[in-house]
Protein backbone atom coordinates (compact mmCIF):
# COMPACT_ATOMS: atom_id res chain seq x y z
CA UNK A 1 80.18 -25.18 -7.87
CA UNK A 2 78.87 -22.10 -6.03
CA UNK A 3 76.96 -22.94 -2.91
CA UNK A 4 73.37 -21.83 -2.78
CA UNK A 5 73.70 -20.09 0.60
CA UNK A 6 70.01 -20.67 1.23
CA UNK A 7 70.43 -19.75 4.89
CA UNK A 8 71.65 -16.19 4.22
CA UNK A 9 68.28 -14.45 3.71
CA UNK A 10 66.59 -15.86 6.86
CA UNK A 11 69.79 -15.19 8.83
CA UNK A 12 69.78 -11.56 7.66
CA UNK A 13 66.09 -11.25 8.57
CA UNK A 14 66.82 -12.64 12.03
CA UNK A 15 69.72 -10.21 12.48
CA UNK A 16 67.50 -7.29 11.45
CA UNK A 17 64.85 -8.42 13.93
CA UNK A 18 67.37 -8.62 16.76
CA UNK A 19 68.83 -5.24 15.82
CA UNK A 20 65.37 -3.67 15.86
CA UNK A 21 64.65 -5.14 19.28
CA UNK A 22 68.00 -3.88 20.55
CA UNK A 23 67.19 -0.37 19.33
CA UNK A 24 63.85 -0.63 21.09
CA UNK A 25 65.62 -1.53 24.31
CA UNK A 26 67.79 1.58 24.01
CA UNK A 27 65.10 4.08 23.06
CA UNK A 28 61.94 2.81 24.77
CA UNK A 29 60.90 5.26 27.54
CA UNK A 30 58.73 2.76 29.41
CA UNK A 31 59.43 0.51 32.37
CA UNK A 32 58.51 -3.08 31.40
CA UNK A 33 57.56 -3.95 34.98
CA UNK A 34 55.81 -0.77 36.16
CA UNK A 35 52.05 -1.13 36.64
CA UNK A 36 50.03 1.82 35.29
CA UNK A 37 46.26 1.22 35.76
CA UNK A 38 45.33 4.45 33.96
CA UNK A 39 46.79 3.13 30.68
CA UNK A 40 45.63 -0.47 30.72
CA UNK A 41 44.29 -2.20 27.59
CA UNK A 42 45.26 0.61 25.21
CA UNK A 43 45.21 -0.48 21.57
CA UNK A 44 48.38 -0.04 19.47
CA UNK A 45 48.99 3.62 18.70
CA UNK A 46 51.81 6.09 18.07
CA UNK A 47 52.80 6.18 21.76
CA UNK A 48 52.43 2.45 22.49
CA UNK A 49 53.31 0.74 19.21
CA UNK A 50 52.06 -2.66 20.37
CA UNK A 51 49.52 -1.35 22.87
CA UNK A 52 49.45 -2.01 26.61
CA UNK A 53 48.41 -5.03 28.66
CA UNK A 54 45.88 -5.46 31.46
CA UNK A 55 48.24 -3.77 33.93
CA UNK A 56 49.09 -0.81 31.71
CA UNK A 57 52.58 -2.04 30.80
CA UNK A 58 53.92 -1.25 27.33
CA UNK A 59 53.89 -4.48 25.30
CA UNK A 60 56.65 -3.41 22.90
CA UNK A 61 59.02 -2.77 25.81
CA UNK A 62 58.13 -6.10 27.38
CA UNK A 63 58.70 -7.89 24.04
CA UNK A 64 62.15 -6.29 23.82
CA UNK A 65 63.10 -7.05 27.42
CA UNK A 66 61.74 -10.60 27.08
CA UNK A 67 63.92 -11.42 24.06
CA UNK A 68 66.79 -12.94 26.11
CA UNK A 69 64.34 -15.09 28.08
CA UNK A 70 62.75 -16.45 24.90
CA UNK A 71 65.78 -16.70 22.59
CA UNK A 72 69.17 -16.19 24.28
CA UNK A 73 68.89 -18.33 27.42
CA UNK A 74 67.16 -21.24 25.62
CA UNK A 75 69.94 -21.06 22.98
CA UNK A 76 72.57 -21.38 25.71
CA UNK A 77 70.75 -24.38 27.19
CA UNK A 78 70.53 -25.96 23.72
CA UNK A 79 74.28 -25.57 23.27
CA UNK A 80 74.88 -27.24 26.65
CA UNK A 81 72.53 -30.07 25.65
CA UNK A 82 74.34 -30.41 22.34
CA UNK A 83 77.74 -30.54 24.02
CA UNK A 84 76.58 -33.09 26.58
CA UNK A 85 74.82 -35.28 24.02
CA UNK A 86 77.76 -35.14 21.60
CA UNK A 87 80.26 -36.17 24.27
CA UNK A 88 78.04 -39.01 25.47
CA UNK A 89 77.41 -40.19 21.90
CA UNK A 90 81.12 -40.22 21.05
CA UNK A 91 81.96 -42.07 24.28
CA UNK A 92 79.18 -44.59 23.67
CA UNK A 93 80.36 -45.39 20.14
CA UNK A 94 84.04 -45.74 20.99
CA UNK A 95 84.46 -47.21 24.46
CA UNK A 96 83.20 -50.75 23.97
CA UNK A 97 80.06 -52.85 24.03
CA UNK A 98 79.37 -52.84 27.80
CA UNK A 99 79.49 -49.07 28.20
CA UNK A 100 77.64 -48.62 24.92
CA UNK A 101 74.86 -50.96 26.07
CA UNK A 102 74.50 -49.10 29.39
CA UNK A 103 74.38 -45.69 27.72
CA UNK A 104 71.96 -46.94 25.08
CA UNK A 105 69.65 -48.27 27.79
CA UNK A 106 69.62 -44.83 29.43
CA UNK A 107 68.92 -43.15 26.08
CA UNK A 108 66.08 -45.57 25.38
CA UNK A 109 64.54 -44.75 28.75
CA UNK A 110 64.58 -41.02 28.01
CA UNK A 111 63.42 -41.51 24.42
CA UNK A 112 60.34 -43.42 25.56
CA UNK A 113 58.84 -40.12 26.81
CA UNK A 114 58.25 -37.17 24.44
CA UNK A 115 60.45 -34.15 25.18
CA UNK A 116 57.59 -31.83 26.09
CA UNK A 117 55.96 -34.41 28.35
CA UNK A 118 59.27 -35.09 30.09
CA UNK A 119 59.91 -31.36 30.51
CA UNK A 120 56.43 -30.89 32.00
CA UNK A 121 57.06 -33.75 34.43
CA UNK A 122 60.45 -32.36 35.49
CA UNK A 123 59.11 -28.82 35.85
CA UNK A 124 56.14 -30.12 37.82
CA UNK A 125 58.53 -31.98 40.11
CA UNK A 126 60.91 -29.05 40.63
CA UNK A 127 58.19 -26.39 40.70
CA UNK A 128 57.30 -23.57 38.30
CA UNK A 129 60.04 -21.15 37.32
CA UNK A 130 62.18 -20.10 34.40
CA UNK A 131 65.38 -21.71 35.71
CA UNK A 132 63.54 -24.98 36.31
CA UNK A 133 62.20 -24.82 32.74
CA UNK A 134 65.69 -24.46 31.31
CA UNK A 135 66.94 -27.31 33.52
CA UNK A 136 64.06 -29.51 32.34
CA UNK A 137 64.97 -28.81 28.71
CA UNK A 138 68.63 -29.59 29.38
CA UNK A 139 67.69 -32.93 30.94
CA UNK A 140 65.25 -33.90 28.20
CA UNK A 141 67.04 -32.67 25.06
CA UNK A 142 70.55 -34.19 25.17
CA UNK A 143 69.31 -37.66 24.23
CA UNK A 144 68.61 -37.01 20.55
CA UNK A 145 72.10 -35.58 20.04
CA UNK A 146 73.69 -38.51 21.85
CA UNK A 147 71.76 -40.99 19.73
CA UNK A 148 72.53 -39.29 16.40
CA UNK A 149 76.23 -38.84 17.24
CA UNK A 150 76.52 -42.44 18.42
CA UNK A 151 74.96 -43.87 15.26
CA UNK A 152 77.01 -41.66 12.95
CA UNK A 153 80.20 -42.44 14.84
CA UNK A 154 79.62 -46.19 14.63
CA UNK A 155 79.18 -45.88 10.85
CA UNK A 156 82.31 -43.72 10.60
CA UNK A 157 84.38 -46.17 12.65
CA UNK A 158 83.61 -48.91 10.13
CA UNK A 159 85.08 -46.93 7.23
CA UNK A 160 88.45 -48.02 5.74
CA UNK A 161 90.17 -44.69 6.45
CA UNK A 162 89.32 -45.08 10.15
CA UNK A 163 90.99 -48.49 10.19
CA UNK A 164 93.98 -46.91 8.47
CA UNK A 165 94.10 -44.14 11.09
CA UNK A 166 94.05 -46.72 13.89
CA UNK A 167 96.78 -48.76 12.22
CA UNK A 168 98.90 -45.61 12.05
CA UNK A 169 98.65 -45.24 15.81
CA UNK A 170 95.76 -42.77 16.18
CA UNK A 171 93.63 -43.77 19.14
CA UNK A 172 91.58 -42.31 21.99
CA UNK A 173 90.87 -38.60 22.17
CA UNK A 174 93.07 -37.88 19.14
CA UNK A 175 90.99 -40.24 16.97
CA UNK A 176 87.75 -38.71 18.26
CA UNK A 177 88.94 -35.13 17.74
CA UNK A 178 90.57 -35.62 14.33
CA UNK A 179 88.23 -38.08 12.67
CA UNK A 180 84.96 -38.79 14.49
CA UNK A 181 83.90 -35.27 15.50
CA UNK A 182 84.54 -33.64 12.08
CA UNK A 183 82.27 -36.24 10.50
CA UNK A 184 79.36 -35.66 12.88
CA UNK A 185 79.69 -31.87 13.19
CA UNK A 186 77.71 -30.96 10.00
CA UNK A 187 74.74 -32.99 11.25
CA UNK A 188 74.98 -31.42 14.71
CA UNK A 189 75.05 -27.94 13.19
CA UNK A 190 71.88 -28.61 11.20
CA UNK A 191 70.13 -30.03 14.26
CA UNK A 192 71.01 -27.00 16.39
CA UNK A 193 69.27 -24.56 14.04
CA UNK A 194 66.28 -26.83 13.49
CA UNK A 195 65.95 -27.58 17.21
CA UNK A 196 66.25 -23.93 18.22
CA UNK A 197 62.69 -23.30 17.04
CA UNK A 198 61.47 -26.35 18.96
CA UNK A 199 63.24 -25.16 22.11
CA UNK A 200 61.62 -21.71 21.82
CA UNK A 201 58.22 -23.34 21.37
CA UNK A 202 58.81 -25.56 24.40
CA UNK A 203 59.89 -22.66 26.64
CA UNK A 204 56.92 -20.59 25.52
CA UNK A 205 54.52 -23.53 25.90
CA UNK A 206 55.64 -24.22 29.46
CA UNK A 207 55.29 -20.52 30.31
CA UNK A 208 51.84 -20.45 28.71
CA UNK A 209 50.86 -23.45 30.86
CA UNK A 210 52.04 -21.59 33.96
CA UNK A 211 55.03 -23.88 34.53
CA UNK A 212 57.74 -21.67 33.04
CA UNK A 213 58.58 -18.01 33.54
CA UNK A 214 56.50 -16.49 36.32
CA UNK A 215 55.08 -12.93 36.41
CA UNK A 216 56.30 -10.26 36.04
CA UNK A 217 59.05 -11.82 33.87
CA UNK A 218 58.30 -10.77 30.26
CA UNK A 219 58.86 -14.11 28.54
CA UNK A 220 56.81 -14.21 25.34
CA UNK A 221 54.84 -17.35 26.24
CA UNK A 222 54.06 -15.87 29.65
CA UNK A 223 52.86 -12.69 27.93
CA UNK A 224 50.44 -14.81 25.89
CA UNK A 225 49.12 -16.27 29.13
CA UNK A 226 48.63 -12.74 30.52
CA UNK A 227 46.40 -11.85 27.59
CA UNK A 228 44.35 -15.06 27.49
CA UNK A 229 41.57 -13.68 29.71
CA UNK A 230 41.39 -10.45 27.71
CA UNK A 231 41.52 -11.90 24.21
CA UNK A 232 38.04 -10.76 23.18
CA UNK A 233 38.56 -7.12 24.17
CA UNK A 234 42.36 -6.80 23.76
CA UNK A 235 43.61 -9.54 21.37
CA UNK A 236 46.91 -7.74 20.77
CA UNK A 237 48.18 -8.79 24.22
CA UNK A 238 48.24 -12.41 23.03
CA UNK A 239 48.63 -12.06 19.27
CA UNK A 240 51.75 -9.85 19.28
CA UNK A 241 54.02 -12.15 21.33
CA UNK A 242 52.53 -15.14 19.47
CA UNK A 243 53.49 -13.50 16.16
CA UNK A 244 57.05 -12.89 17.35
CA UNK A 245 57.35 -16.51 18.47
CA UNK A 246 56.05 -17.75 15.10
CA UNK A 247 58.38 -15.50 13.10
CA UNK A 248 61.48 -16.46 15.09
CA UNK A 249 60.67 -20.17 14.92
CA UNK A 250 60.16 -19.96 11.14
CA UNK A 251 63.43 -18.07 10.66
CA UNK A 252 65.39 -20.72 12.58
CA UNK A 253 63.65 -23.43 10.55
CA UNK A 254 64.64 -21.80 7.25
CA UNK A 255 68.21 -21.21 8.48
CA UNK A 256 68.51 -24.88 9.42
CA UNK A 257 67.06 -26.04 6.12
CA UNK A 258 69.36 -23.66 4.26
CA UNK A 259 72.43 -24.98 6.07
CA UNK A 260 71.33 -28.53 5.19
CA UNK A 261 70.95 -27.63 1.51
CA UNK A 262 74.41 -26.03 1.41
CA UNK A 263 75.98 -29.16 2.88
């Protein structure tokens, strides 16, 4: 049976978007950080495709330069969270009841607080800043991966072929690598794509609240905050980065759903 490959179209759209932003980074003549009061609050035109902000900075250039802060660095943090949660989940499911109970208690403590609320609390404790935002996400996001991997691994360990593998002398890291991890990997892969949109929204939300990226860093949520006071006279300052956030989040959602359908 031919797989549906439902993730291909949104993945191609995302690749085209990134390629367009990369071309903009190469060809844009404007400095994303340079203040130019004589060109502030210019509406989108042929020279400034997305207009300028309240300090005269070209919004298109700032969108392009802000792409790594909104997409790349959060993706790296998500991968670290996934790795950490997967390792903890596998250890919890395999190492015995006492360790499993201790790890489960820790996971329950983290799960009692919503991710965004926990990230706000951590960022408030450490202080505003982009690095602190990423650290807060790392601390708050590993739990759901650990819980999913633990539950799936416990179910897998009860299967007859796992008992057969243990009877044949496969134990420890070899059992985890050869049998447990391959069974949980498809679920982890789906979660990564689906969670990527949530991570982007969290990073942007914290920046919009003033807890994340600080000026003049061109993170898209921070750019929305810059335009909040000028929304009535220059709505493009807020609407353009908000549109990019919405499009990217939707593309990751459709990629994740497509991967799930293909599995």
